[in-house]
Amino acid sequence: MSYNVVTQEGVRTFENIDDAGDYAQAVSLRTGEPVKVFHAETGLVTFTTKTKKETK
């Protein structure tokens, strides 16, 4: 199965859901925006990640 990660920078496709999740989390951490991961064949949202930056 393939998964598409949609960001403001564009769409990236991953064959492994773990790789897609890691990329989505990294982008969300960097931008502070939620990132959606879609199942490439159906177009349905697999999950959304939103990571907040911690400030000290």
PDB file of N, CA and C in Angstrom:
ATOM      1  N   MET A   1       0.841  -1.183   0.000  1.00  0.00           N
ATOM      2  CA  MET A   1       0.000   0.000   0.000  1.00  0.00           C
ATOM      3  C   MET A   1       0.881   1.239   0.000  1.00  0.00           C
ATOM      4  N   SER A   2       0.370   2.297  -0.559  1.00  0.00           N
ATOM      5  CA  SER A   2       1.078   3.563  -0.591  1.00  0.00           C
ATOM      6  C   SER A   2       0.308   4.603   0.211  1.00  0.00           C
ATOM      7  N   TYR A   3       1.057   5.543   0.749  1.00  0.00           N
ATOM      8  CA  TYR A   3       0.470   6.610   1.552  1.00  0.00           C
ATOM      9  C   TYR A   3       1.017   7.946   1.074  1.00  0.00           C
ATOM     10  N   ASN A   4       0.125   8.923   0.924  1.00  0.00           N
ATOM     11  CA  ASN A   4       0.516  10.263   0.527  1.00  0.00           C
ATOM     12  C   ASN A   4       0.493  11.178   1.740  1.00  0.00           C
ATOM     13  N   VAL A   5       1.553  11.947   1.910  1.00  0.00           N
ATOM     14  CA  VAL A   5       1.629  12.944   2.972  1.00  0.00           C
ATOM     15  C   VAL A   5       1.484  14.300   2.300  1.00  0.00           C
ATOM     16  N   VAL A   6       0.443  15.034   2.687  1.00  0.00           N
ATOM     17  CA  VAL A   6       0.140  16.313   2.064  1.00  0.00           C
ATOM     18  C   VAL A   6       0.575  17.435   2.997  1.00  0.00           C
ATOM     19  N   THR A   7       1.465  18.297   2.513  1.00  0.00           N
ATOM     20  CA  THR A   7       1.943  19.447   3.273  1.00  0.00           C
ATOM     21  C   THR A   7       1.826  20.692   2.404  1.00  0.00           C
ATOM     22  N   GLN A   8       2.163  21.823   2.967  1.00  0.00           N
ATOM     23  CA  GLN A   8       2.166  23.056   2.182  1.00  0.00           C
ATOM     24  C   GLN A   8       3.233  23.007   1.093  1.00  0.00           C
ATOM     25  N   GLU A   9       4.241  22.191   1.292  1.00  0.00           N
ATOM     26  CA  GLU A   9       5.331  22.053   0.326  1.00  0.00           C
ATOM     27  C   GLU A   9       4.963  21.148  -0.839  1.00  0.00           C
ATOM     28  N   GLY A  10       3.901  20.354  -0.696  1.00  0.00           N
ATOM     29  CA  GLY A  10       3.494  19.446  -1.753  1.00  0.00           C
ATOM     30  C   GLY A  10       3.083  18.091  -1.208  1.00  0.00           C
ATOM     31  N   VAL A  11       3.130  17.083  -2.079  1.00  0.00           N
ATOM     32  CA  VAL A  11       2.713  15.726  -1.723  1.00  0.00           C
ATOM     33  C   VAL A  11       3.909  14.793  -1.877  1.00  0.00           C
ATOM     34  N   ARG A  12       4.129  13.965  -0.859  1.00  0.00           N
ATOM     35  CA  ARG A  12       5.166  12.926  -0.934  1.00  0.00           C
ATOM     36  C   ARG A  12       4.495  11.579  -0.729  1.00  0.00           C
ATOM     37  N   THR A  13       4.936  10.577  -1.460  1.00  0.00           N
ATOM     38  CA  THR A  13       4.361   9.244  -1.389  1.00  0.00           C
ATOM     39  C   THR A  13       5.345   8.293  -0.724  1.00  0.00           C
ATOM     40  N   PHE A  14       4.823   7.474   0.192  1.00  0.00           N
ATOM     41  CA  PHE A  14       5.621   6.488   0.915  1.00  0.00           C
ATOM     42  C   PHE A  14       4.961   5.128   0.779  1.00  0.00           C
ATOM     43  N   GLU A  15       5.766   4.080   0.707  1.00  0.00           N
ATOM     44  CA  GLU A  15       5.257   2.715   0.645  1.00  0.00           C
ATOM     45  C   GLU A  15       4.968   2.173   2.038  1.00  0.00           C
ATOM     46  N   ASN A  16       5.603   2.723   3.054  1.00  0.00           N
ATOM     47  CA  ASN A  16       5.506   2.222   4.415  1.00  0.00           C
ATOM     48  C   ASN A  16       4.797   3.257   5.283  1.00  0.00           C
ATOM     49  N   ILE A  17       3.781   2.837   6.028  1.00  0.00           N
ATOM     50  CA  ILE A  17       3.025   3.779   6.860  1.00  0.00           C
ATOM     51  C   ILE A  17       3.889   4.378   7.974  1.00  0.00           C
ATOM     52  N   ASP A  18       4.866   3.614   8.451  1.00  0.00           N
ATOM     53  CA  ASP A  18       5.759   4.142   9.487  1.00  0.00           C
ATOM     54  C   ASP A  18       6.602   5.296   8.945  1.00  0.00           C
ATOM     55  N   ASP A  19       7.107   5.143   7.726  1.00  0.00           N
ATOM     56  CA  ASP A  19       7.891   6.218   7.111  1.00  0.00           C
ATOM     57  C   ASP A  19       7.030   7.449   6.870  1.00  0.00           C
ATOM     58  N   ALA A  20       5.790   7.227   6.434  1.00  0.00           N
ATOM     59  CA  ALA A  20       4.868   8.347   6.205  1.00  0.00           C
ATOM     60  C   ALA A  20       4.576   9.067   7.513  1.00  0.00           C
ATOM     61  N   GLY A  21       4.367   8.310   8.578  1.00  0.00           N
ATOM     62  CA  GLY A  21       4.097   8.899   9.885  1.00  0.00           C
ATOM     63  C   GLY A  21       5.281   9.678  10.424  1.00  0.00           C
ATOM     64  N   ASP A  22       6.479   9.133  10.270  1.00  0.00           N
ATOM     65  CA  ASP A  22       7.684   9.829  10.728  1.00  0.00           C
ATOM     66  C   ASP A  22       7.872  11.144   9.986  1.00  0.00           C
ATOM     67  N   TYR A  23       7.661  11.111   8.666  1.00  0.00           N
ATOM     68  CA  TYR A  23       7.801  12.326   7.871  1.00  0.00           C
ATOM     69  C   TYR A  23       6.737  13.348   8.262  1.00  0.00           C
ATOM     70  N   ALA A  24       5.497  12.899   8.418  1.00  0.00           N
ATOM     71  CA  ALA A  24       4.408  13.808   8.790  1.00  0.00           C
ATOM     72  C   ALA A  24       4.674  14.454  10.143  1.00  0.00           C
ATOM     73  N   GLN A  25       5.155  13.668  11.084  1.00  0.00           N
ATOM     74  CA  GLN A  25       5.451  14.205  12.409  1.00  0.00           C
ATOM     75  C   GLN A  25       6.588  15.219  12.355  1.00  0.00           C
ATOM     76  N   ALA A  26       7.615  14.947  11.574  1.00  0.00           N
ATOM     77  CA  ALA A  26       8.741  15.880  11.450  1.00  0.00           C
ATOM     78  C   ALA A  26       8.305  17.199  10.825  1.00  0.00           C
ATOM     79  N   VAL A  27       7.476  17.118   9.785  1.00  0.00           N
ATOM     80  CA  VAL A  27       6.988  18.341   9.139  1.00  0.00           C
ATOM     81  C   VAL A  27       6.095  19.113  10.095  1.00  0.00           C
ATOM     82  N   SER A  28       5.228  18.424  10.813  1.00  0.00           N
ATOM     83  CA  SER A  28       4.335  19.077  11.761  1.00  0.00           C
ATOM     84  C   SER A  28       5.127  19.758  12.869  1.00  0.00           C
ATOM     85  N   LEU A  29       6.167  19.113  13.344  1.00  0.00           N
ATOM     86  CA  LEU A  29       7.011  19.701  14.380  1.00  0.00           C
ATOM     87  C   LEU A  29       7.718  20.944  13.866  1.00  0.00           C
ATOM     88  N   ARG A  30       8.193  20.885  12.625  1.00  0.00           N
ATOM     89  CA  ARG A  30       8.904  22.017  12.032  1.00  0.00           C
ATOM     90  C   ARG A  30       7.976  23.204  11.751  1.00  0.00           C
ATOM     91  N   THR A  31       6.776  22.930  11.253  1.00  0.00           N
ATOM     92  CA  THR A  31       5.880  24.004  10.828  1.00  0.00           C
ATOM     93  C   THR A  31       4.844  24.395  11.870  1.00  0.00           C
ATOM     94  N   GLY A  32       4.541  23.464  12.792  1.00  0.00           N
ATOM     95  CA  GLY A  32       3.493  23.718  13.775  1.00  0.00           C
ATOM     96  C   GLY A  32       2.093  23.518  13.223  1.00  0.00           C
ATOM     97  N   GLU A  33       1.993  23.062  11.996  1.00  0.00           N
ATOM     98  CA  GLU A  33       0.703  22.837  11.338  1.00  0.00           C
ATOM     99  C   GLU A  33       0.361  21.345  11.324  1.00  0.00           C
ATOM    100  N   PRO A  34      -0.941  21.008  11.332  1.00  0.00           N
ATOM    101  CA  PRO A  34      -1.310  19.593  11.199  1.00  0.00           C
ATOM    102  C   PRO A  34      -0.974  19.076   9.805  1.00  0.00           C
ATOM    103  N   VAL A  35      -0.620  17.812   9.720  1.00  0.00           N
ATOM    104  CA  VAL A  35      -0.278  17.184   8.448  1.00  0.00           C
ATOM    105  C   VAL A  35      -1.141  15.935   8.300  1.00  0.00           C
ATOM    106  N   LYS A  36      -1.762  15.782   7.130  1.00  0.00           N
ATOM    107  CA  LYS A  36      -2.632  14.634   6.886  1.00  0.00           C
ATOM    108  C   LYS A  36      -1.916  13.590   6.045  1.00  0.00           C
ATOM    109  N   VAL A  37      -2.170  12.331   6.401  1.00  0.00           N
ATOM    110  CA  VAL A  37      -1.647  11.202   5.646  1.00  0.00           C
ATOM    111  C   VAL A  37      -2.841  10.492   5.018  1.00  0.00           C
ATOM    112  N   PHE A  38      -2.788  10.315   3.698  1.00  0.00           N
ATOM    113  CA  PHE A  38      -3.884   9.713   2.944  1.00  0.00           C
ATOM    114  C   PHE A  38      -3.472   8.364   2.389  1.00  0.00           C
ATOM    115  N   HIS A  39      -4.432   7.444   2.324  1.00  0.00           N
ATOM    116  CA  HIS A  39      -4.233   6.185   1.625  1.00  0.00           C
ATOM    117  C   HIS A  39      -4.217   6.526   0.141  1.00  0.00           C
ATOM    118  N   ALA A  40      -3.153   6.193  -0.560  1.00  0.00           N
ATOM    119  CA  ALA A  40      -2.971   6.642  -1.947  1.00  0.00           C
ATOM    120  C   ALA A  40      -4.021   6.096  -2.903  1.00  0.00           C
ATOM    121  N   GLU A  41      -4.491   4.880  -2.678  1.00  0.00           N
ATOM    122  CA  GLU A  41      -5.434   4.270  -3.611  1.00  0.00           C
ATOM    123  C   GLU A  41      -6.856   4.770  -3.422  1.00  0.00           C
ATOM    124  N   THR A  42      -7.281   4.987  -2.173  1.00  0.00           N
ATOM    125  CA  THR A  42      -8.670   5.382  -1.924  1.00  0.00           C
ATOM    126  C   THR A  42      -8.828   6.878  -1.728  1.00  0.00           C
ATOM    127  N   GLY A  43      -7.742   7.552  -1.334  1.00  0.00           N
ATOM    128  CA  GLY A  43      -7.825   8.983  -1.067  1.00  0.00           C
ATOM    129  C   GLY A  43      -8.391   9.314   0.306  1.00  0.00           C
ATOM    130  N   LEU A  44      -8.680   8.276   1.105  1.00  0.00           N
ATOM    131  CA  LEU A  44      -9.225   8.507   2.440  1.00  0.00           C
ATOM    132  C   LEU A  44      -8.101   8.868   3.412  1.00  0.00           C
ATOM    133  N   VAL A  45      -8.418   9.728   4.374  1.00  0.00           N
ATOM    134  CA  VAL A  45      -7.440  10.117   5.375  1.00  0.00           C
ATOM    135  C   VAL A  45      -7.147   8.917   6.272  1.00  0.00           C
ATOM    136  N   THR A  46      -5.877   8.576   6.385  1.00  0.00           N
ATOM    137  CA  THR A  46      -5.463   7.494   7.270  1.00  0.00           C
ATOM    138  C   THR A  46      -5.304   8.029   8.678  1.00  0.00           C
ATOM    139  N   PHE A  47      -4.610   9.156   8.813  1.00  0.00           N
ATOM    140  CA  PHE A  47      -4.504   9.843  10.096  1.00  0.00           C
ATOM    141  C   PHE A  47      -3.983  11.250   9.895  1.00  0.00           C
ATOM    142  N   THR A  48      -4.148  12.079  10.913  1.00  0.00           N
ATOM    143  CA  THR A  48      -3.637  13.446  10.924  1.00  0.00           C
ATOM    144  C   THR A  48      -2.725  13.582  12.126  1.00  0.00           C
ATOM    145  N   THR A  49      -1.586  14.229  11.922  1.00  0.00           N
ATOM    146  CA  THR A  49      -0.670  14.443  13.029  1.00  0.00           C
ATOM    147  C   THR A  49      -0.503  15.928  13.278  1.00  0.00           C
ATOM    148  N   LYS A  50      -0.465  16.287  14.541  1.00  0.00           N
ATOM    149  CA  LYS A  50      -0.189  17.667  14.907  1.00  0.00           C
ATOM    150  C   LYS A  50       0.735  17.638  16.106  1.00  0.00           C
ATOM    151  N   THR A  51       1.882  18.210  15.937  1.00  0.00           N
ATOM    152  CA  THR A  51       2.894  18.223  16.977  1.00  0.00           C
ATOM    153  C   THR A  51       3.147  19.660  17.383  1.00  0.00           C
ATOM    154  N   LYS A  52       3.145  19.898  18.682  1.00  0.00           N
ATOM    155  CA  LYS A  52       3.415  21.251  19.197  1.00  0.00           C
ATOM    156  C   LYS A  52       4.868  21.341  19.628  1.00  0.00           C
ATOM    157  N   LYS A  53       5.462  22.477  19.327  1.00  0.00           N
ATOM    158  CA  LYS A  53       6.825  22.725  19.775  1.00  0.00           C
ATOM    159  C   LYS A  53       6.806  23.036  21.252  1.00  0.00           C
ATOM    160  N   GLU A  54       7.740  22.469  21.974  1.00  0.00           N
ATOM    161  CA  GLU A  54       7.857  22.772  23.391  1.00  0.00           C
ATOM    162  C   GLU A  54       8.772  23.967  23.561  1.00  0.00           C
ATOM    163  N   THR A  55       8.345  24.894  24.386  1.00  0.00           N
ATOM    164  CA  THR A  55       9.178  26.065  24.671  1.00  0.00           C
ATOM    165  C   THR A  55       9.572  26.037  26.124  1.00  0.00           C
ATOM    166  N   LYS A  56      10.782  26.463  26.387  1.00  0.00           N
ATOM    167  CA  LYS A  56      11.265  26.472  27.775  1.00  0.00           C
ATOM    168  C   LYS A  56      11.479  27.874  28.238  1.00  0.00           C
TER     169      LYS A  56
END
